[in-house]
Amino acid sequence: NLTVDEQILAIARRKAEASFQAYKPSKQEHFLILSADTMVVVDGIPLGKPRDEDEATEFLSLLSSRDHLVKTAVVIMEGASSSRECLKMKQSLQTTQVFFRHIGEREIFEYIESGEPMDKAGAYGIQGGGGNFVEKVIGPFDNVIGLPIELVKNLLQEGAWKLKK
């Protein structure tokens, strides 16, 4: 019974926790793990990566001539190799509104034939051919690509983490 936002945050947390458990540092050190998950949401319904070409067609037809939300959850965890436990975790969610123009059946078919939409939430990549369907973006563009940099910077500041250059 999670909201869409809670679902996306939970997925990003699970990814971070799995990486945290798998990481085997070579020396005694503190480390950060950054995890993210992006989902397209239309009418409150999350659209993940399409299972097949039919579902990709369904997603793109649904998005045609309308707006949707792109939501990216980011989680940063700090750990210490000596204790193997999470010392600190910060998480947040970024939302961007995207407006699609009308997409014809032929365009959808050709785009799916390119293979690009098959590993993308909502069956499109704005940085590739899917960008041709976009009329307008309200909010951070990098969020639609998959990693909202300003949000990452804010989480690093909240956690008082400083990265070496």
N, C-alpha and C. Protein backbone atom coordinates (compact mmCIF):
# COMPACT_ATOMS: atom_id res chain seq x y z
N ASN A 1 0.82 -1.20 0.00
CA ASN A 1 0.00 0.00 0.00
C ASN A 1 0.85 1.26 0.00
N LEU A 2 1.93 1.26 -0.75
CA LEU A 2 2.80 2.42 -0.84
C LEU A 2 2.33 3.37 -1.93
N THR A 3 2.56 4.65 -1.74
CA THR A 3 2.31 5.61 -2.82
C THR A 3 3.37 5.39 -3.89
N VAL A 4 3.17 6.01 -5.05
CA VAL A 4 4.16 5.89 -6.13
C VAL A 4 5.51 6.43 -5.65
N ASP A 5 5.50 7.59 -4.97
CA ASP A 5 6.76 8.17 -4.48
C ASP A 5 7.45 7.21 -3.51
N GLU A 6 6.67 6.61 -2.60
CA GLU A 6 7.25 5.66 -1.64
C GLU A 6 7.80 4.42 -2.35
N GLN A 7 7.12 3.98 -3.40
CA GLN A 7 7.60 2.82 -4.17
C GLN A 7 8.96 3.10 -4.80
N ILE A 8 9.07 4.28 -5.43
CA ILE A 8 10.32 4.62 -6.12
C ILE A 8 11.46 4.75 -5.11
N LEU A 9 11.19 5.41 -3.98
CA LEU A 9 12.21 5.53 -2.93
C LEU A 9 12.60 4.15 -2.40
N ALA A 10 11.63 3.26 -2.23
CA ALA A 10 11.93 1.91 -1.72
C ALA A 10 12.82 1.14 -2.69
N ILE A 11 12.56 1.28 -3.99
CA ILE A 11 13.40 0.60 -4.99
C ILE A 11 14.83 1.13 -4.92
N ALA A 12 14.98 2.45 -4.87
CA ALA A 12 16.33 3.04 -4.80
C ALA A 12 17.04 2.62 -3.52
N ARG A 13 16.31 2.54 -2.40
CA ARG A 13 16.91 2.09 -1.13
C ARG A 13 17.38 0.64 -1.23
N ARG A 14 16.54 -0.21 -1.82
CA ARG A 14 16.93 -1.63 -1.96
C ARG A 14 18.18 -1.78 -2.82
N LYS A 15 18.28 -0.98 -3.87
CA LYS A 15 19.49 -1.00 -4.71
C LYS A 15 20.71 -0.59 -3.89
N ALA A 16 20.56 0.48 -3.12
CA ALA A 16 21.68 0.97 -2.30
C ALA A 16 22.07 -0.07 -1.26
N GLU A 17 21.08 -0.67 -0.61
CA GLU A 17 21.37 -1.68 0.42
C GLU A 17 22.06 -2.90 -0.18
N ALA A 18 21.64 -3.32 -1.36
CA ALA A 18 22.28 -4.47 -2.02
C ALA A 18 23.73 -4.15 -2.36
N SER A 19 23.98 -2.95 -2.85
CA SER A 19 25.36 -2.54 -3.15
C SER A 19 26.19 -2.44 -1.88
N PHE A 20 25.57 -1.92 -0.84
CA PHE A 20 26.24 -1.79 0.45
C PHE A 20 26.70 -3.17 0.95
N GLN A 21 25.82 -4.16 0.88
CA GLN A 21 26.15 -5.51 1.35
C GLN A 21 27.21 -6.18 0.47
N ALA A 22 27.21 -5.86 -0.82
CA ALA A 22 28.14 -6.50 -1.75
C ALA A 22 29.52 -5.85 -1.77
N TYR A 23 29.61 -4.59 -1.31
CA TYR A 23 30.88 -3.86 -1.39
C TYR A 23 31.90 -4.44 -0.42
N LYS A 24 33.07 -4.74 -0.92
CA LYS A 24 34.17 -5.29 -0.10
C LYS A 24 35.37 -4.37 -0.23
N PRO A 25 35.46 -3.36 0.64
CA PRO A 25 36.58 -2.42 0.53
C PRO A 25 37.91 -3.12 0.79
N SER A 26 38.94 -2.64 0.11
CA SER A 26 40.25 -3.26 0.23
C SER A 26 41.02 -2.75 1.44
N LYS A 27 40.53 -1.70 2.07
CA LYS A 27 41.20 -1.16 3.25
C LYS A 27 40.15 -0.57 4.19
N GLN A 28 40.57 -0.22 5.37
CA GLN A 28 39.66 0.41 6.33
C GLN A 28 39.31 1.80 5.81
N GLU A 29 38.07 2.01 5.51
CA GLU A 29 37.67 3.30 4.97
C GLU A 29 36.18 3.53 5.14
N HIS A 30 35.81 4.79 5.06
CA HIS A 30 34.40 5.16 4.94
C HIS A 30 34.11 5.22 3.44
N PHE A 31 32.88 4.92 3.08
CA PHE A 31 32.52 4.96 1.67
C PHE A 31 31.08 5.42 1.52
N LEU A 32 30.78 5.95 0.33
CA LEU A 32 29.42 6.36 -0.01
C LEU A 32 28.91 5.50 -1.15
N ILE A 33 27.63 5.20 -1.08
CA ILE A 33 26.95 4.52 -2.17
C ILE A 33 25.81 5.42 -2.61
N LEU A 34 25.74 5.67 -3.90
CA LEU A 34 24.65 6.46 -4.46
C LEU A 34 23.82 5.53 -5.33
N SER A 35 22.54 5.56 -5.11
CA SER A 35 21.63 4.74 -5.89
C SER A 35 20.47 5.61 -6.36
N ALA A 36 19.93 5.29 -7.52
CA ALA A 36 18.79 6.05 -8.04
C ALA A 36 17.86 5.13 -8.81
N ASP A 37 16.61 5.53 -8.88
CA ASP A 37 15.64 4.82 -9.71
C ASP A 37 14.69 5.85 -10.31
N THR A 38 14.39 5.69 -11.58
CA THR A 38 13.54 6.64 -12.29
C THR A 38 12.29 5.93 -12.79
N MET A 39 11.16 6.62 -12.66
CA MET A 39 9.90 6.06 -13.14
C MET A 39 9.08 7.15 -13.82
N VAL A 40 8.38 6.77 -14.84
CA VAL A 40 7.43 7.66 -15.51
C VAL A 40 6.06 7.38 -14.91
N VAL A 41 5.32 8.44 -14.60
CA VAL A 41 4.01 8.29 -13.97
C VAL A 41 2.98 9.08 -14.78
N VAL A 42 1.91 8.40 -15.18
CA VAL A 42 0.83 9.05 -15.90
C VAL A 42 -0.50 8.67 -15.22
N ASP A 43 -1.26 9.67 -14.89
CA ASP A 43 -2.53 9.46 -14.18
C ASP A 43 -2.33 8.65 -12.90
N GLY A 44 -1.22 8.87 -12.22
CA GLY A 44 -0.94 8.15 -10.98
C GLY A 44 -0.47 6.72 -11.18
N ILE A 45 -0.32 6.29 -12.42
CA ILE A 45 0.11 4.92 -12.72
C ILE A 45 1.58 4.92 -13.13
N PRO A 46 2.42 4.17 -12.40
CA PRO A 46 3.84 4.12 -12.75
C PRO A 46 4.08 3.24 -13.98
N LEU A 47 4.93 3.76 -14.88
CA LEU A 47 5.34 3.00 -16.05
C LEU A 47 6.83 2.73 -15.92
N GLY A 48 7.19 1.51 -15.70
CA GLY A 48 8.59 1.15 -15.62
C GLY A 48 9.14 0.87 -17.01
N LYS A 49 10.11 -0.01 -17.09
CA LYS A 49 10.65 -0.42 -18.39
C LYS A 49 9.66 -1.39 -19.03
N PRO A 50 9.43 -1.25 -20.33
CA PRO A 50 8.47 -2.16 -20.97
C PRO A 50 9.00 -3.60 -21.02
N ARG A 51 8.09 -4.54 -20.81
CA ARG A 51 8.46 -5.97 -20.85
C ARG A 51 8.76 -6.44 -22.26
N ASP A 52 8.04 -5.85 -23.22
CA ASP A 52 8.18 -6.28 -24.62
C ASP A 52 7.74 -5.13 -25.53
N GLU A 53 7.78 -5.38 -26.83
CA GLU A 53 7.43 -4.34 -27.80
C GLU A 53 5.96 -3.93 -27.70
N ASP A 54 5.09 -4.88 -27.39
CA ASP A 54 3.67 -4.54 -27.24
C ASP A 54 3.46 -3.57 -26.09
N GLU A 55 4.13 -3.82 -24.98
CA GLU A 55 3.98 -2.91 -23.84
C GLU A 55 4.62 -1.56 -24.14
N ALA A 56 5.72 -1.53 -24.88
CA ALA A 56 6.34 -0.27 -25.28
C ALA A 56 5.37 0.53 -26.14
N THR A 57 4.68 -0.13 -27.05
CA THR A 57 3.68 0.53 -27.89
C THR A 57 2.55 1.09 -27.02
N GLU A 58 2.11 0.30 -26.06
CA GLU A 58 1.05 0.73 -25.15
C GLU A 58 1.49 1.98 -24.37
N PHE A 59 2.70 1.97 -23.83
CA PHE A 59 3.21 3.11 -23.06
C PHE A 59 3.27 4.37 -23.93
N LEU A 60 3.88 4.26 -25.10
CA LEU A 60 4.05 5.43 -25.96
C LEU A 60 2.71 5.97 -26.46
N SER A 61 1.77 5.09 -26.74
CA SER A 61 0.42 5.52 -27.14
C SER A 61 -0.26 6.25 -26.00
N LEU A 62 -0.07 5.78 -24.79
CA LEU A 62 -0.64 6.42 -23.61
C LEU A 62 -0.04 7.81 -23.38
N LEU A 63 1.24 7.97 -23.64
CA LEU A 63 1.92 9.25 -23.41
C LEU A 63 1.68 10.26 -24.52
N SER A 64 1.26 9.80 -25.68
CA SER A 64 1.05 10.68 -26.83
C SER A 64 0.02 11.77 -26.53
N SER A 65 0.36 13.01 -26.91
CA SER A 65 -0.54 14.17 -26.80
C SER A 65 -0.91 14.54 -25.37
N ARG A 66 -0.04 14.26 -24.42
CA ARG A 66 -0.38 14.58 -23.04
C ARG A 66 0.87 14.77 -22.19
N ASP A 67 0.67 15.12 -20.94
CA ASP A 67 1.79 15.29 -20.03
C ASP A 67 1.89 14.10 -19.09
N HIS A 68 3.06 13.97 -18.50
CA HIS A 68 3.31 12.93 -17.50
C HIS A 68 4.41 13.43 -16.58
N LEU A 69 4.64 12.70 -15.51
CA LEU A 69 5.68 13.04 -14.56
C LEU A 69 6.82 12.05 -14.66
N VAL A 70 8.03 12.56 -14.53
CA VAL A 70 9.21 11.70 -14.41
C VAL A 70 9.72 11.90 -13.00
N LYS A 71 9.81 10.81 -12.25
CA LYS A 71 10.21 10.87 -10.85
C LYS A 71 11.48 10.05 -10.67
N THR A 72 12.48 10.66 -10.04
CA THR A 72 13.72 9.96 -9.75
C THR A 72 13.99 10.02 -8.25
N ALA A 73 14.14 8.86 -7.66
CA ALA A 73 14.51 8.76 -6.25
C ALA A 73 16.02 8.59 -6.18
N VAL A 74 16.66 9.32 -5.27
CA VAL A 74 18.11 9.22 -5.06
C VAL A 74 18.34 8.89 -3.59
N VAL A 75 19.21 7.92 -3.36
CA VAL A 75 19.59 7.51 -2.01
C VAL A 75 21.11 7.53 -1.92
N ILE A 76 21.62 8.14 -0.85
CA ILE A 76 23.06 8.10 -0.57
C ILE A 76 23.25 7.49 0.81
N MET A 77 24.08 6.46 0.88
CA MET A 77 24.38 5.78 2.14
C MET A 77 25.87 5.90 2.44
N GLU A 78 26.17 6.10 3.70
CA GLU A 78 27.57 6.10 4.15
C GLU A 78 27.80 4.86 4.99
N GLY A 79 28.91 4.22 4.73
CA GLY A 79 29.28 3.05 5.50
C GLY A 79 30.73 3.11 5.91
N ALA A 80 31.08 2.24 6.83
CA ALA A 80 32.47 2.10 7.26
C ALA A 80 32.84 0.64 7.12
N SER A 81 33.97 0.37 6.51
CA SER A 81 34.36 -1.01 6.29
C SER A 81 34.58 -1.75 7.60
N SER A 82 34.94 -1.03 8.64
CA SER A 82 35.20 -1.68 9.93
C SER A 82 33.93 -2.20 10.59
N SER A 83 32.82 -1.50 10.42
CA SER A 83 31.60 -1.92 11.12
C SER A 83 30.59 -2.63 10.22
N ARG A 84 30.71 -2.44 8.92
CA ARG A 84 29.80 -3.05 7.95
C ARG A 84 28.34 -2.68 8.23
N GLU A 85 28.13 -1.49 8.79
CA GLU A 85 26.77 -1.04 8.97
C GLU A 85 26.62 0.37 8.41
N CYS A 86 25.41 0.71 8.09
CA CYS A 86 25.12 2.04 7.54
C CYS A 86 25.26 3.08 8.64
N LEU A 87 26.09 4.07 8.41
CA LEU A 87 26.29 5.13 9.39
C LEU A 87 25.29 6.27 9.19
N LYS A 88 24.94 6.51 7.93
CA LYS A 88 24.05 7.62 7.63
C LYS A 88 23.43 7.38 6.26
N MET A 89 22.18 7.82 6.12
CA MET A 89 21.52 7.69 4.83
C MET A 89 20.67 8.95 4.59
N LYS A 90 20.74 9.47 3.38
CA LYS A 90 19.91 10.59 2.95
C LYS A 90 19.20 10.15 1.68
N GLN A 91 17.96 10.59 1.53
CA GLN A 91 17.19 10.22 0.35
C GLN A 91 16.21 11.32 0.00
N SER A 92 15.88 11.41 -1.27
CA SER A 92 14.89 12.39 -1.71
C SER A 92 14.41 12.02 -3.11
N LEU A 93 13.43 12.77 -3.56
CA LEU A 93 12.78 12.50 -4.83
C LEU A 93 12.67 13.79 -5.63
N GLN A 94 12.93 13.70 -6.92
CA GLN A 94 12.81 14.84 -7.83
C GLN A 94 11.72 14.53 -8.85
N THR A 95 10.88 15.51 -9.15
CA THR A 95 9.81 15.32 -10.13
C THR A 95 9.92 16.37 -11.22
N THR A 96 9.76 15.93 -12.47
CA THR A 96 9.76 16.81 -13.63
C THR A 96 8.52 16.48 -14.46
N GLN A 97 7.86 17.52 -14.98
CA GLN A 97 6.70 17.33 -15.82
C GLN A 97 7.14 17.41 -17.29
N VAL A 98 6.70 16.43 -18.08
CA VAL A 98 7.08 16.35 -19.49
C VAL A 98 5.80 16.31 -20.33
N PHE A 99 5.78 17.11 -21.39
CA PHE A 99 4.64 17.16 -22.31
C PHE A 99 5.06 16.55 -23.65
N PHE A 100 4.28 15.58 -24.12
CA PHE A 100 4.52 14.95 -25.42
C PHE A 100 3.56 15.54 -26.46
N ARG A 101 4.04 15.68 -27.67
CA ARG A 101 3.18 16.00 -28.80
C ARG A 101 2.48 14.72 -29.23
N HIS A 102 1.62 14.81 -30.22
CA HIS A 102 1.00 13.61 -30.76
C HIS A 102 2.07 12.76 -31.44
N ILE A 103 2.03 11.46 -31.17
CA ILE A 103 2.97 10.52 -31.80
C ILE A 103 2.13 9.56 -32.65
N GLY A 104 2.41 9.52 -33.94
CA GLY A 104 1.67 8.63 -34.83
C GLY A 104 2.10 7.18 -34.68
N GLU A 105 1.24 6.27 -35.12
CA GLU A 105 1.52 4.83 -35.02
C GLU A 105 2.83 4.47 -35.72
N ARG A 106 3.05 5.06 -36.88
CA ARG A 106 4.27 4.76 -37.65
C ARG A 106 5.50 5.19 -36.86
N GLU A 107 5.46 6.40 -36.26
CA GLU A 107 6.59 6.88 -35.45
C GLU A 107 6.86 5.95 -34.27
N ILE A 108 5.79 5.51 -33.62
CA ILE A 108 5.94 4.60 -32.48
C ILE A 108 6.60 3.31 -32.95
N PHE A 109 6.12 2.75 -34.06
CA PHE A 109 6.69 1.52 -34.60
C PHE A 109 8.18 1.69 -34.91
N GLU A 110 8.51 2.76 -35.61
CA GLU A 110 9.91 2.99 -35.99
C GLU A 110 10.80 3.20 -34.76
N TYR A 111 10.28 3.91 -33.77
CA TYR A 111 11.06 4.14 -32.55
C TYR A 111 11.30 2.82 -31.81
N ILE A 112 10.29 2.01 -31.72
CA ILE A 112 10.45 0.71 -31.05
C ILE A 112 11.41 -0.18 -31.82
N GLU A 113 11.35 -0.13 -33.14
CA GLU A 113 12.28 -0.90 -33.98
C GLU A 113 13.73 -0.51 -33.73
N SER A 114 13.97 0.73 -33.30
CA SER A 114 15.34 1.17 -33.01
C SER A 114 15.91 0.46 -31.78
N GLY A 115 15.02 -0.11 -30.94
CA GLY A 115 15.46 -0.79 -29.73
C GLY A 115 15.66 0.13 -28.54
N GLU A 116 15.71 1.42 -28.77
CA GLU A 116 16.00 2.38 -27.70
C GLU A 116 15.02 2.33 -26.52
N PRO A 117 13.71 2.20 -26.77
CA PRO A 117 12.79 2.30 -25.64
C PRO A 117 12.74 1.10 -24.72
N MET A 118 13.38 0.01 -25.09
CA MET A 118 13.19 -1.23 -24.35
C MET A 118 13.84 -1.26 -22.96
N ASP A 119 14.80 -0.39 -22.71
CA ASP A 119 15.42 -0.40 -21.38
C ASP A 119 15.23 0.94 -20.67
N LYS A 120 14.14 1.64 -21.01
CA LYS A 120 13.88 2.96 -20.46
C LYS A 120 12.51 2.99 -19.77
N ALA A 121 12.46 3.63 -18.62
CA ALA A 121 11.18 3.84 -17.95
C ALA A 121 10.26 4.63 -18.87
N GLY A 122 9.02 4.17 -19.00
CA GLY A 122 8.07 4.85 -19.87
C GLY A 122 8.30 4.59 -21.35
N ALA A 123 9.28 3.79 -21.68
CA ALA A 123 9.60 3.39 -23.05
C ALA A 123 10.15 4.52 -23.91
N TYR A 124 10.84 5.49 -23.28
CA TYR A 124 11.50 6.51 -24.10
C TYR A 124 12.71 7.06 -23.39
N GLY A 125 13.65 7.52 -24.20
CA GLY A 125 14.83 8.21 -23.70
C GLY A 125 14.85 9.61 -24.28
N ILE A 126 14.74 10.61 -23.42
CA ILE A 126 14.68 11.99 -23.89
C ILE A 126 16.00 12.42 -24.53
N GLN A 127 17.10 11.77 -24.12
CA GLN A 127 18.41 12.11 -24.66
C GLN A 127 18.67 11.45 -26.01
N GLY A 128 17.74 10.62 -26.45
CA GLY A 128 17.86 9.96 -27.74
C GLY A 128 16.68 10.30 -28.63
N GLY A 129 16.23 9.32 -29.38
CA GLY A 129 15.12 9.51 -30.30
C GLY A 129 13.83 9.91 -29.63
N GLY A 130 13.64 9.51 -28.38
CA GLY A 130 12.43 9.87 -27.65
C GLY A 130 12.31 11.37 -27.42
N GLY A 131 13.42 12.07 -27.49
CA GLY A 131 13.40 13.52 -27.33
C GLY A 131 12.60 14.20 -28.43
N ASN A 132 12.44 13.53 -29.57
CA ASN A 132 11.65 14.09 -30.67
C ASN A 132 10.16 14.19 -30.34
N PHE A 133 9.70 13.47 -29.32
CA PHE A 133 8.29 13.49 -28.95
C PHE A 133 7.96 14.59 -27.95
N VAL A 134 8.98 15.20 -27.39
CA VAL A 134 8.80 16.15 -26.29
C VAL A 134 8.51 17.56 -26.80
N GLU A 135 7.42 18.14 -26.29
CA GLU A 135 7.08 19.53 -26.60
C GLU A 135 7.65 20.49 -25.56
N LYS A 136 7.58 20.07 -24.29
CA LYS A 136 7.98 20.97 -23.21
C LYS A 136 8.36 20.16 -21.98
N VAL A 137 9.30 20.72 -21.21
CA VAL A 137 9.73 20.12 -19.94
C VAL A 137 9.64 21.20 -18.87
N ILE A 138 8.98 20.88 -17.77
CA ILE A 138 8.92 21.79 -16.63
C ILE A 138 9.61 21.10 -15.46
N GLY A 139 10.74 21.64 -15.07
CA GLY A 139 11.54 21.05 -14.00
C GLY A 139 12.90 20.66 -14.53
N PRO A 140 13.72 20.05 -13.68
CA PRO A 140 15.08 19.71 -14.08
C PRO A 140 15.12 18.69 -15.23
N PHE A 141 15.78 19.08 -16.31
CA PHE A 141 15.93 18.21 -17.48
C PHE A 141 16.76 16.97 -17.14
N ASP A 142 17.82 17.16 -16.33
CA ASP A 142 18.69 16.02 -16.01
C ASP A 142 17.95 14.94 -15.23
N ASN A 143 16.86 15.30 -14.58
CA ASN A 143 16.03 14.31 -13.89
C ASN A 143 15.41 13.33 -14.88
N VAL A 144 15.03 13.83 -16.05
CA VAL A 144 14.40 12.98 -17.05
C VAL A 144 15.44 12.03 -17.65
N ILE A 145 16.68 12.47 -17.73
CA ILE A 145 17.76 11.61 -18.20
C ILE A 145 18.06 10.53 -17.16
N GLY A 146 17.88 10.85 -15.88
CA GLY A 146 18.01 9.81 -14.87
C GLY A 146 18.75 10.17 -13.60
N LEU A 147 19.50 11.28 -13.57
CA LEU A 147 20.18 11.63 -12.32
C LEU A 147 20.12 13.14 -12.11
N PRO A 148 19.25 13.57 -11.22
CA PRO A 148 19.13 15.01 -10.94
C PRO A 148 20.31 15.50 -10.10
N ILE A 149 21.25 16.15 -10.76
CA ILE A 149 22.52 16.54 -10.13
C ILE A 149 22.31 17.51 -8.98
N GLU A 150 21.41 18.47 -9.11
CA GLU A 150 21.18 19.43 -8.02
C GLU A 150 20.67 18.71 -6.76
N LEU A 151 19.81 17.73 -6.95
CA LEU A 151 19.31 16.93 -5.82
C LEU A 151 20.46 16.17 -5.16
N VAL A 152 21.33 15.59 -5.98
CA VAL A 152 22.49 14.86 -5.44
C VAL A 152 23.36 15.81 -4.61
N LYS A 153 23.63 17.01 -5.15
CA LYS A 153 24.43 17.99 -4.41
C LYS A 153 23.77 18.35 -3.08
N ASN A 154 22.44 18.54 -3.09
CA ASN A 154 21.72 18.88 -1.86
C ASN A 154 21.81 17.76 -0.83
N LEU A 155 21.68 16.52 -1.28
CA LEU A 155 21.79 15.39 -0.35
C LEU A 155 23.19 15.28 0.23
N LEU A 156 24.21 15.53 -0.60
CA LEU A 156 25.58 15.51 -0.10
C LEU A 156 25.79 16.59 0.95
N GLN A 157 25.21 17.77 0.73
CA GLN A 157 25.31 18.85 1.72
C GLN A 157 24.58 18.49 3.00
N GLU A 158 23.37 17.95 2.87
CA GLU A 158 22.60 17.53 4.06
C GLU A 158 23.36 16.53 4.90
N GLY A 159 24.05 15.62 4.22
CA GLY A 159 24.82 14.59 4.92
C GLY A 159 26.19 15.06 5.37
N ALA A 160 26.53 16.31 5.05
CA ALA A 160 27.84 16.89 5.38
C ALA A 160 28.97 16.07 4.77
N TRP A 161 28.74 15.54 3.56
CA TRP A 161 29.76 14.79 2.86
C TRP A 161 30.49 15.71 1.90
N LYS A 162 31.79 15.63 1.93
CA LYS A 162 32.60 16.41 1.01
C LYS A 162 33.36 15.43 0.12
N LEU A 163 33.28 15.65 -1.16
CA LEU A 163 33.96 14.76 -2.10
C LEU A 163 35.29 15.38 -2.50
N LYS A 164 36.30 14.54 -2.60
CA LYS A 164 37.61 15.00 -3.06
C LYS A 164 37.58 15.19 -4.55
N LYS A 165 38.29 16.19 -5.01
CA LYS A 165 38.32 16.45 -6.46
C LYS A 165 39.46 15.69 -7.10
